[in-house]
Amino acid sequence: MIDAHVHVWRIGAHGCSWPGSDLPALYRDFTLSDYRRATGQVEGVLLVQSQPAAADTQWLLGLEDPLIAGIVGWADLAAPDALQQVAALAAQPCLKGLRPMVQDLAADWYDHANDAALAAMAAQGLVLDALIRPQHLDALARLAVRHPDLAIVIDHAAKPDSAGFDSWKRAIDSIARHANVHCKLSGLVTESAEIAAVAELLWHAFGPGRLLWGSDWPVITLAASLSDWLEMSRSLIPAEHHDAVFGANARRLYRL
């Protein structure tokens, strides 16, 4: 089993400015030793950056642990030197993808991303993780058209909420038509009150080949334990497709 979405951090180090003291449950160091205590069922994890800082990515790349299957780092893909950032990071064998933190940025942010850098990501086999909200889905779909060879993964299903569920559903149905777009079954415990409905829609939109499971640990602990989320997730996915969603898809997509 592969957990395709795990965070670790040390408060006050490696550019770590989040979480703050306003989130006391998360305002401490979280390590892979802590993760192991939370579950013994996972063979490998994809570590995902938690800070919009190069120092965070370099810190992750320096970690040594047999549980680490790969790392999704951060780069400013709208910066003038985005191509140089991608080239430097792509030289790291453990680096499997990049995740600009777009969730609080303008809805059209992806329209202004550096296309040369995105093309370089595709050429290197790097995945674009999309930390977004529903209003970003249309621009992300346009990016998917511009870069059909770039694998894109929507984190946390774009964080749907009850008030905008119908518009989110239409946008997900639309973007899922692009074969290079995938989605993580992650973050739903903390982001959505309609977990079963969201999971069902994702299943029909992306199918067993483009859906992959992640815990979003330790953020998930704000709402549920990792083991509870894993059990819930297994109940949401047909048993005959567990191997794909809970491991094989992540291994293939991120080249783990």
C-alpha atoms as a PDB file:
ATOM      1  CA  MET A   1       0.000   0.000   0.000  1.00  0.00           C
ATOM      2  CA  ILE A   2       1.170   3.515  -0.863  1.00  0.00           C
ATOM      3  CA  ASP A   3       0.007   6.600   0.998  1.00  0.00           C
ATOM      4  CA  ALA A   4       0.191   9.256  -1.709  1.00  0.00           C
ATOM      5  CA  HIS A   5      -0.158  12.278   0.571  1.00  0.00           C
ATOM      6  CA  VAL A   6       1.859  12.630   3.774  1.00  0.00           C
ATOM      7  CA  HIS A   7       3.361  15.726   5.390  1.00  0.00           C
ATOM      8  CA  VAL A   8       6.184  16.027   7.888  1.00  0.00           C
ATOM      9  CA  TRP A   9       7.543  19.201   9.424  1.00  0.00           C
ATOM     10  CA  ARG A  10       9.631  20.697  12.196  1.00  0.00           C
ATOM     11  CA  ILE A  11       8.210  23.891  13.638  1.00  0.00           C
ATOM     12  CA  GLY A  12      10.507  26.858  13.044  1.00  0.00           C
ATOM     13  CA  ALA A  13      12.828  24.979  10.678  1.00  0.00           C
ATOM     14  CA  HIS A  14      13.122  24.475   6.862  1.00  0.00           C
ATOM     15  CA  GLY A  15      10.963  27.536   6.148  1.00  0.00           C
ATOM     16  CA  CYS A  16       8.121  26.125   8.253  1.00  0.00           C
ATOM     17  CA  SER A  17       5.681  28.968   8.928  1.00  0.00           C
ATOM     18  CA  TRP A  18       2.527  26.812   8.964  1.00  0.00           C
ATOM     19  CA  PRO A  19       0.891  25.504  11.090  1.00  0.00           C
ATOM     20  CA  GLY A  20       0.843  28.294  13.628  1.00  0.00           C
ATOM     21  CA  SER A  21      -0.043  28.366  17.289  1.00  0.00           C
ATOM     22  CA  ASP A  22      -3.680  28.972  16.309  1.00  0.00           C
ATOM     23  CA  LEU A  23      -3.773  25.256  15.392  1.00  0.00           C
ATOM     24  CA  PRO A  24      -2.501  23.713  18.634  1.00  0.00           C
ATOM     25  CA  ALA A  25      -3.241  20.141  17.514  1.00  0.00           C
ATOM     26  CA  LEU A  26      -0.780  20.550  14.625  1.00  0.00           C
ATOM     27  CA  TYR A  27       1.630  23.023  16.188  1.00  0.00           C
ATOM     28  CA  ARG A  28       4.401  20.553  16.920  1.00  0.00           C
ATOM     29  CA  ASP A  29       6.928  18.510  15.009  1.00  0.00           C
ATOM     30  CA  PHE A  30       5.536  15.608  12.972  1.00  0.00           C
ATOM     31  CA  THR A  31       7.947  12.915  11.811  1.00  0.00           C
ATOM     32  CA  LEU A  32       7.787   9.588  10.026  1.00  0.00           C
ATOM     33  CA  SER A  33       8.248   7.903  13.396  1.00  0.00           C
ATOM     34  CA  ASP A  34       4.952   9.504  14.412  1.00  0.00           C
ATOM     35  CA  TYR A  35       3.413   8.282  11.164  1.00  0.00           C
ATOM     36  CA  ARG A  36       4.520   4.723  11.830  1.00  0.00           C
ATOM     37  CA  ARG A  37       2.791   4.842  15.187  1.00  0.00           C
ATOM     38  CA  ALA A  38      -0.413   5.922  13.435  1.00  0.00           C
ATOM     39  CA  THR A  39      -0.488   2.984  11.017  1.00  0.00           C
ATOM     40  CA  GLY A  40       1.453  -0.147  10.266  1.00  0.00           C
ATOM     41  CA  GLN A  41      -0.292  -0.959   7.007  1.00  0.00           C
ATOM     42  CA  VAL A  42       1.599   1.263   4.569  1.00  0.00           C
ATOM     43  CA  GLU A  43       4.624   0.113   2.565  1.00  0.00           C
ATOM     44  CA  GLY A  44       5.660   3.521   1.281  1.00  0.00           C
ATOM     45  CA  VAL A  45       4.707   7.181   1.448  1.00  0.00           C
ATOM     46  CA  LEU A  46       4.809  10.095  -0.935  1.00  0.00           C
ATOM     47  CA  LEU A  47       6.006  13.064   1.096  1.00  0.00           C
ATOM     48  CA  VAL A  48       4.342  16.289  -0.025  1.00  0.00           C
ATOM     49  CA  GLN A  49       5.701  19.754   0.691  1.00  0.00           C
ATOM     50  CA  SER A  50       3.839  21.806   3.270  1.00  0.00           C
ATOM     51  CA  GLN A  51       5.548  25.184   2.824  1.00  0.00           C
ATOM     52  CA  PRO A  52       5.870  27.498  -0.205  1.00  0.00           C
ATOM     53  CA  ALA A  53       9.613  27.572   0.298  1.00  0.00           C
ATOM     54  CA  ALA A  54      12.607  26.036  -1.432  1.00  0.00           C
ATOM     55  CA  ALA A  55      14.104  25.298   1.997  1.00  0.00           C
ATOM     56  CA  ASP A  56      11.226  22.939   2.774  1.00  0.00           C
ATOM     57  CA  THR A  57      11.750  20.969  -0.429  1.00  0.00           C
ATOM     58  CA  GLN A  58      15.495  20.710   0.157  1.00  0.00           C
ATOM     59  CA  TRP A  59      14.862  19.498   3.706  1.00  0.00           C
ATOM     60  CA  LEU A  60      12.489  16.805   2.454  1.00  0.00           C
ATOM     61  CA  LEU A  61      15.011  15.708  -0.176  1.00  0.00           C
ATOM     62  CA  GLY A  62      17.606  15.317   2.560  1.00  0.00           C
ATOM     63  CA  LEU A  63      15.519  12.951   4.679  1.00  0.00           C
ATOM     64  CA  GLU A  64      16.569   9.319   4.753  1.00  0.00           C
ATOM     65  CA  ASP A  65      13.958   6.724   5.644  1.00  0.00           C
ATOM     66  CA  PRO A  66      13.037   3.469   3.889  1.00  0.00           C
ATOM     67  CA  LEU A  67       9.371   4.444   4.111  1.00  0.00           C
ATOM     68  CA  ILE A  68       9.899   7.347   1.682  1.00  0.00           C
ATOM     69  CA  ALA A  69       8.907   6.264  -1.824  1.00  0.00           C
ATOM     70  CA  GLY A  70       9.143   9.735  -3.335  1.00  0.00           C
ATOM     71  CA  ILE A  71       8.782  13.456  -2.734  1.00  0.00           C
ATOM     72  CA  VAL A  72       6.542  16.149  -4.192  1.00  0.00           C
ATOM     73  CA  GLY A  73       8.325  19.447  -3.724  1.00  0.00           C
ATOM     74  CA  TRP A  74       7.508  23.106  -4.222  1.00  0.00           C
ATOM     75  CA  ALA A  75       8.462  25.496  -6.996  1.00  0.00           C
ATOM     76  CA  ASP A  76       7.090  28.864  -8.047  1.00  0.00           C
ATOM     77  CA  LEU A  77       5.888  27.877 -11.495  1.00  0.00           C
ATOM     78  CA  ALA A  78       4.809  31.425 -12.316  1.00  0.00           C
ATOM     79  CA  ALA A  79       8.256  32.897 -11.638  1.00  0.00           C
ATOM     80  CA  PRO A  80      10.544  34.105 -14.448  1.00  0.00           C
ATOM     81  CA  ASP A  81      13.133  31.508 -13.394  1.00  0.00           C
ATOM     82  CA  ALA A  82      10.626  28.649 -13.098  1.00  0.00           C
ATOM     83  CA  LEU A  83      12.399  26.664 -15.814  1.00  0.00           C
ATOM     84  CA  GLN A  84      15.664  26.842 -13.885  1.00  0.00           C
ATOM     85  CA  GLN A  85      13.884  25.789 -10.679  1.00  0.00           C
ATOM     86  CA  VAL A  86      12.418  22.737 -12.419  1.00  0.00           C
ATOM     87  CA  ALA A  87      15.746  21.771 -13.985  1.00  0.00           C
ATOM     88  CA  ALA A  88      17.545  21.877 -10.644  1.00  0.00           C
ATOM     89  CA  LEU A  89      14.903  19.870  -8.812  1.00  0.00           C
ATOM     90  CA  ALA A  90      14.451  17.306 -11.586  1.00  0.00           C
ATOM     91  CA  ALA A  91      18.075  16.268 -11.067  1.00  0.00           C
ATOM     92  CA  GLN A  92      17.095  14.805  -7.683  1.00  0.00           C
ATOM     93  CA  PRO A  93      16.113  11.131  -8.170  1.00  0.00           C
ATOM     94  CA  CYS A  94      13.659  11.136  -5.255  1.00  0.00           C
ATOM     95  CA  LEU A  95      11.778  14.173  -6.609  1.00  0.00           C
ATOM     96  CA  LYS A  96       8.617  12.890  -8.301  1.00  0.00           C
ATOM     97  CA  GLY A  97       6.480  16.002  -8.654  1.00  0.00           C
ATOM     98  CA  LEU A  98       5.966  19.668  -7.834  1.00  0.00           C
ATOM     99  CA  ARG A  99       3.143  21.418  -6.026  1.00  0.00           C
ATOM    100  CA  PRO A 100       2.712  25.178  -6.173  1.00  0.00           C
ATOM    101  CA  MET A 101       0.288  26.158  -3.403  1.00  0.00           C
ATOM    102  CA  VAL A 102      -2.515  27.723  -5.433  1.00  0.00           C
ATOM    103  CA  GLN A 103      -5.500  27.293  -3.109  1.00  0.00           C
ATOM    104  CA  ASP A 104      -5.447  30.913  -1.892  1.00  0.00           C
ATOM    105  CA  LEU A 105      -4.332  32.492  -5.178  1.00  0.00           C
ATOM    106  CA  ALA A 106      -6.324  33.938  -8.090  1.00  0.00           C
ATOM    107  CA  ALA A 107      -8.724  31.624  -9.911  1.00  0.00           C
ATOM    108  CA  ASP A 108      -6.808  32.079 -13.188  1.00  0.00           C
ATOM    109  CA  TRP A 109      -3.349  31.450 -11.698  1.00  0.00           C
ATOM    110  CA  TYR A 110      -2.690  28.448 -13.943  1.00  0.00           C
ATOM    111  CA  ASP A 111      -3.281  30.611 -17.015  1.00  0.00           C
ATOM    112  CA  HIS A 112      -0.135  32.531 -16.043  1.00  0.00           C
ATOM    113  CA  ALA A 113       2.076  29.583 -15.118  1.00  0.00           C
ATOM    114  CA  ASN A 114       5.388  29.280 -16.948  1.00  0.00           C
ATOM    115  CA  ASP A 115       4.646  27.019 -19.917  1.00  0.00           C
ATOM    116  CA  ALA A 116       8.321  26.282 -20.541  1.00  0.00           C
ATOM    117  CA  ALA A 117       8.669  25.037 -16.968  1.00  0.00           C
ATOM    118  CA  LEU A 118       5.535  22.913 -17.283  1.00  0.00           C
ATOM    119  CA  ALA A 119       6.814  21.414 -20.535  1.00  0.00           C
ATOM    120  CA  ALA A 120      10.098  20.635 -18.801  1.00  0.00           C
ATOM    121  CA  MET A 121       8.201  18.885 -16.013  1.00  0.00           C
ATOM    122  CA  ALA A 122       6.407  16.735 -18.571  1.00  0.00           C
ATOM    123  CA  ALA A 123       9.671  15.912 -20.331  1.00  0.00           C
ATOM    124  CA  GLN A 124      11.228  14.836 -17.029  1.00  0.00           C
ATOM    125  CA  GLY A 125       8.204  12.749 -16.042  1.00  0.00           C
ATOM    126  CA  LEU A 126       7.361  14.967 -13.078  1.00  0.00           C
ATOM    127  CA  VAL A 127       3.786  15.192 -11.828  1.00  0.00           C
ATOM    128  CA  LEU A 128       1.985  18.489 -11.195  1.00  0.00           C
ATOM    129  CA  ASP A 129       0.132  18.240  -7.889  1.00  0.00           C
ATOM    130  CA  ALA A 130      -2.694  20.783  -7.782  1.00  0.00           C
ATOM    131  CA  LEU A 131      -3.499  22.190  -4.337  1.00  0.00           C
ATOM    132  CA  ILE A 132      -6.587  24.125  -5.341  1.00  0.00           C
ATOM    133  CA  ARG A 133     -10.160  25.066  -4.603  1.00  0.00           C
ATOM    134  CA  PRO A 134     -13.122  24.607  -6.973  1.00  0.00           C
ATOM    135  CA  GLN A 135     -12.681  28.045  -8.572  1.00  0.00           C
ATOM    136  CA  HIS A 136      -9.301  26.942  -9.981  1.00  0.00           C
ATOM    137  CA  LEU A 137     -10.602  23.898 -11.854  1.00  0.00           C
ATOM    138  CA  ASP A 138     -11.428  25.704 -15.106  1.00  0.00           C
ATOM    139  CA  ALA A 139      -7.942  27.208 -15.426  1.00  0.00           C
ATOM    140  CA  LEU A 140      -6.388  23.868 -14.505  1.00  0.00           C
ATOM    141  CA  ALA A 141      -8.419  22.232 -17.274  1.00  0.00           C
ATOM    142  CA  ARG A 142      -7.040  24.769 -19.753  1.00  0.00           C
ATOM    143  CA  LEU A 143      -3.537  23.918 -18.568  1.00  0.00           C
ATOM    144  CA  ALA A 144      -4.275  20.220 -19.117  1.00  0.00           C
ATOM    145  CA  VAL A 145      -5.146  21.033 -22.735  1.00  0.00           C
ATOM    146  CA  ARG A 146      -1.967  23.095 -23.225  1.00  0.00           C
ATOM    147  CA  HIS A 147       0.178  20.322 -21.765  1.00  0.00           C
ATOM    148  CA  PRO A 148      -1.391  16.965 -22.648  1.00  0.00           C
ATOM    149  CA  ASP A 149       1.810  15.103 -21.750  1.00  0.00           C
ATOM    150  CA  LEU A 150       1.924  16.535 -18.217  1.00  0.00           C
ATOM    151  CA  ALA A 151       0.416  14.299 -15.528  1.00  0.00           C
ATOM    152  CA  ILE A 152      -1.778  16.373 -13.216  1.00  0.00           C
ATOM    153  CA  VAL A 153      -3.128  15.254  -9.837  1.00  0.00           C
ATOM    154  CA  ILE A 154      -5.874  17.186  -8.066  1.00  0.00           C
ATOM    155  CA  ASP A 155      -5.228  17.119  -4.320  1.00  0.00           C
ATOM    156  CA  HIS A 156      -8.150  16.669  -1.929  1.00  0.00           C
ATOM    157  CA  ALA A 157     -10.636  16.720  -4.823  1.00  0.00           C
ATOM    158  CA  ALA A 158     -10.190  20.526  -4.977  1.00  0.00           C
ATOM    159  CA  LYS A 159     -11.743  20.920  -1.498  1.00  0.00           C
ATOM    160  CA  PRO A 160     -15.471  20.965  -2.316  1.00  0.00           C
ATOM    161  CA  ASP A 161     -17.955  22.505   0.080  1.00  0.00           C
ATOM    162  CA  SER A 162     -21.670  21.949   0.493  1.00  0.00           C
ATOM    163  CA  ALA A 163     -22.687  25.391  -0.749  1.00  0.00           C
ATOM    164  CA  GLY A 164     -20.920  25.016  -4.077  1.00  0.00           C
ATOM    165  CA  PHE A 165     -21.342  21.277  -4.565  1.00  0.00           C
ATOM    166  CA  ASP A 166     -23.238  21.444  -7.866  1.00  0.00           C
ATOM    167  CA  SER A 167     -20.776  23.793  -9.562  1.00  0.00           C
ATOM    168  CA  TRP A 168     -17.859  21.730  -8.218  1.00  0.00           C
ATOM    169  CA  LYS A 169     -19.479  18.583  -9.636  1.00  0.00           C
ATOM    170  CA  ARG A 170     -19.793  20.141 -13.093  1.00  0.00           C
ATOM    171  CA  ALA A 171     -16.179  21.309 -13.027  1.00  0.00           C
ATOM    172  CA  ILE A 172     -14.904  17.894 -11.891  1.00  0.00           C
ATOM    173  CA  ASP A 173     -16.919  16.099 -14.562  1.00  0.00           C
ATOM    174  CA  SER A 174     -15.455  18.469 -17.147  1.00  0.00           C
ATOM    175  CA  ILE A 175     -11.800  18.281 -16.116  1.00  0.00           C
ATOM    176  CA  ALA A 176     -11.954  14.496 -15.729  1.00  0.00           C
ATOM    177  CA  ARG A 177     -12.494  14.241 -19.499  1.00  0.00           C
ATOM    178  CA  HIS A 178      -8.792  15.021 -19.913  1.00  0.00           C
ATOM    179  CA  ALA A 179      -6.879  11.749 -19.708  1.00  0.00           C
ATOM    180  CA  ASN A 180      -3.824  13.379 -18.122  1.00  0.00           C
ATOM    181  CA  VAL A 181      -5.794  14.547 -15.060  1.00  0.00           C
ATOM    182  CA  HIS A 182      -5.967  12.352 -11.963  1.00  0.00           C
ATOM    183  CA  CYS A 183      -7.368  12.887  -8.471  1.00  0.00           C
ATOM    184  CA  LYS A 184      -6.400  11.987  -4.920  1.00  0.00           C
ATOM    185  CA  LEU A 185      -8.958  10.527  -2.577  1.00  0.00           C
ATOM    186  CA  SER A 186      -7.535  12.587   0.267  1.00  0.00           C
ATOM    187  CA  GLY A 187      -8.403  15.400   2.624  1.00  0.00           C
ATOM    188  CA  LEU A 188     -12.136  14.767   2.486  1.00  0.00           C
ATOM    189  CA  VAL A 189     -12.538  14.253   6.227  1.00  0.00           C
ATOM    190  CA  THR A 190     -11.293  17.761   6.962  1.00  0.00           C
ATOM    191  CA  GLU A 191     -12.628  19.491   3.851  1.00  0.00           C
ATOM    192  CA  SER A 192     -16.034  17.991   3.003  1.00  0.00           C
ATOM    193  CA  ALA A 193     -19.122  17.102   4.997  1.00  0.00           C
ATOM    194  CA  GLU A 194     -20.470  14.993   2.120  1.00  0.00           C
ATOM    195  CA  ILE A 195     -17.710  12.411   1.929  1.00  0.00           C
ATOM    196  CA  ALA A 196     -19.722   9.567   0.415  1.00  0.00           C
ATOM    197  CA  ALA A 197     -21.262  11.796  -2.266  1.00  0.00           C
ATOM    198  CA  VAL A 198     -17.880  13.293  -3.159  1.00  0.00           C
ATOM    199  CA  ALA A 199     -16.208   9.888  -3.324  1.00  0.00           C
ATOM    200  CA  GLU A 200     -18.969   8.485  -5.526  1.00  0.00           C
ATOM    201  CA  LEU A 201     -18.658  11.365  -7.961  1.00  0.00           C
ATOM    202  CA  LEU A 202     -14.867  11.020  -8.079  1.00  0.00           C
ATOM    203  CA  TRP A 203     -15.197   7.298  -8.714  1.00  0.00           C
ATOM    204  CA  HIS A 204     -17.511   7.833 -11.665  1.00  0.00           C
ATOM    205  CA  ALA A 205     -15.434  10.735 -13.022  1.00  0.00           C
ATOM    206  CA  PHE A 206     -11.931   9.252 -12.774  1.00  0.00           C
ATOM    207  CA  GLY A 207     -12.552   5.520 -12.467  1.00  0.00           C
ATOM    208  CA  PRO A 208     -10.183   2.944 -10.975  1.00  0.00           C
ATOM    209  CA  GLY A 209      -7.244   3.990 -13.136  1.00  0.00           C
ATOM    210  CA  ARG A 210      -6.988   7.686 -12.240  1.00  0.00           C
ATOM    211  CA  LEU A 211      -7.949   7.761  -8.567  1.00  0.00           C
ATOM    212  CA  LEU A 212      -5.341   7.314  -5.844  1.00  0.00           C
ATOM    213  CA  TRP A 213      -5.548   7.277  -2.070  1.00  0.00           C
ATOM    214  CA  GLY A 214      -3.757   9.575   0.333  1.00  0.00           C
ATOM    215  CA  SER A 215      -4.169  10.225   4.032  1.00  0.00           C
ATOM    216  CA  ASP A 216      -3.228  13.915   4.272  1.00  0.00           C
ATOM    217  CA  TRP A 217      -1.598  12.997   7.576  1.00  0.00           C
ATOM    218  CA  PRO A 218      -1.175  14.729   9.985  1.00  0.00           C
ATOM    219  CA  VAL A 219      -3.755  17.332   8.903  1.00  0.00           C
ATOM    220  CA  ILE A 220      -6.366  14.565   8.901  1.00  0.00           C
ATOM    221  CA  THR A 221      -5.962  14.245  12.670  1.00  0.00           C
ATOM    222  CA  LEU A 222      -7.982  17.439  13.052  1.00  0.00           C
ATOM    223  CA  ALA A 223     -11.065  15.380  12.160  1.00  0.00           C
ATOM    224  CA  ALA A 224     -10.242  11.661  12.290  1.00  0.00           C
ATOM    225  CA  SER A 225      -7.486   9.139  12.841  1.00  0.00           C
ATOM    226  CA  LEU A 226      -5.486   7.825   9.921  1.00  0.00           C
ATOM    227  CA  SER A 227      -6.784   4.307  10.534  1.00  0.00           C
ATOM    228  CA  ASP A 228     -10.393   5.530  10.555  1.00  0.00           C
ATOM    229  CA  TRP A 229      -9.893   7.352   7.240  1.00  0.00           C
ATOM    230  CA  LEU A 230      -8.262   4.297   5.706  1.00  0.00           C
ATOM    231  CA  GLU A 231     -11.141   2.081   6.807  1.00  0.00           C
ATOM    232  CA  MET A 232     -13.671   4.597   5.487  1.00  0.00           C
ATOM    233  CA  SER A 233     -11.832   4.892   2.175  1.00  0.00           C
ATOM    234  CA  ARG A 234     -11.791   1.146   1.691  1.00  0.00           C
ATOM    235  CA  SER A 235     -15.541   1.074   2.162  1.00  0.00           C
ATOM    236  CA  LEU A 236     -15.951   3.728  -0.544  1.00  0.00           C
ATOM    237  CA  ILE A 237     -13.963   1.862  -3.222  1.00  0.00           C
ATOM    238  CA  PRO A 238     -15.044  -1.509  -4.684  1.00  0.00           C
ATOM    239  CA  ALA A 239     -12.806  -4.233  -3.246  1.00  0.00           C
ATOM    240  CA  GLU A 240     -11.667  -5.449  -6.652  1.00  0.00           C
ATOM    241  CA  HIS A 241     -10.041  -2.056  -7.286  1.00  0.00           C
ATOM    242  CA  HIS A 242      -8.268  -1.632  -3.932  1.00  0.00           C
ATOM    243  CA  ASP A 243      -4.884  -2.651  -5.357  1.00  0.00           C
ATOM    244  CA  ALA A 244      -5.076   0.109  -7.958  1.00  0.00           C
ATOM    245  CA  VAL A 245      -6.418   2.952  -5.823  1.00  0.00           C
ATOM    246  CA  PHE A 246      -4.364   2.137  -2.724  1.00  0.00           C
ATOM    247  CA  GLY A 247      -1.037   1.552  -4.414  1.00  0.00           C
ATOM    248  CA  ALA A 248      -0.604   0.658  -8.063  1.00  0.00           C
ATOM    249  CA  ASN A 249      -1.869   3.961  -9.470  1.00  0.00           C
ATOM    250  CA  ALA A 250       0.514   5.989  -7.303  1.00  0.00           C
ATOM    251  CA  ARG A 251       3.444   3.729  -8.177  1.00  0.00           C
ATOM    252  CA  ARG A 252       2.775   4.116 -11.893  1.00  0.00           C
ATOM    253  CA  LEU A 253       1.986   7.813 -11.915  1.00  0.00           C
ATOM    254  CA  TYR A 254       4.849   8.959  -9.684  1.00  0.00           C
ATOM    255  CA  ARG A 255       7.306   6.304 -10.906  1.00  0.00           C
ATOM    256  CA  LEU A 256       7.828   4.945  -7.391  1.00  0.00           C
END
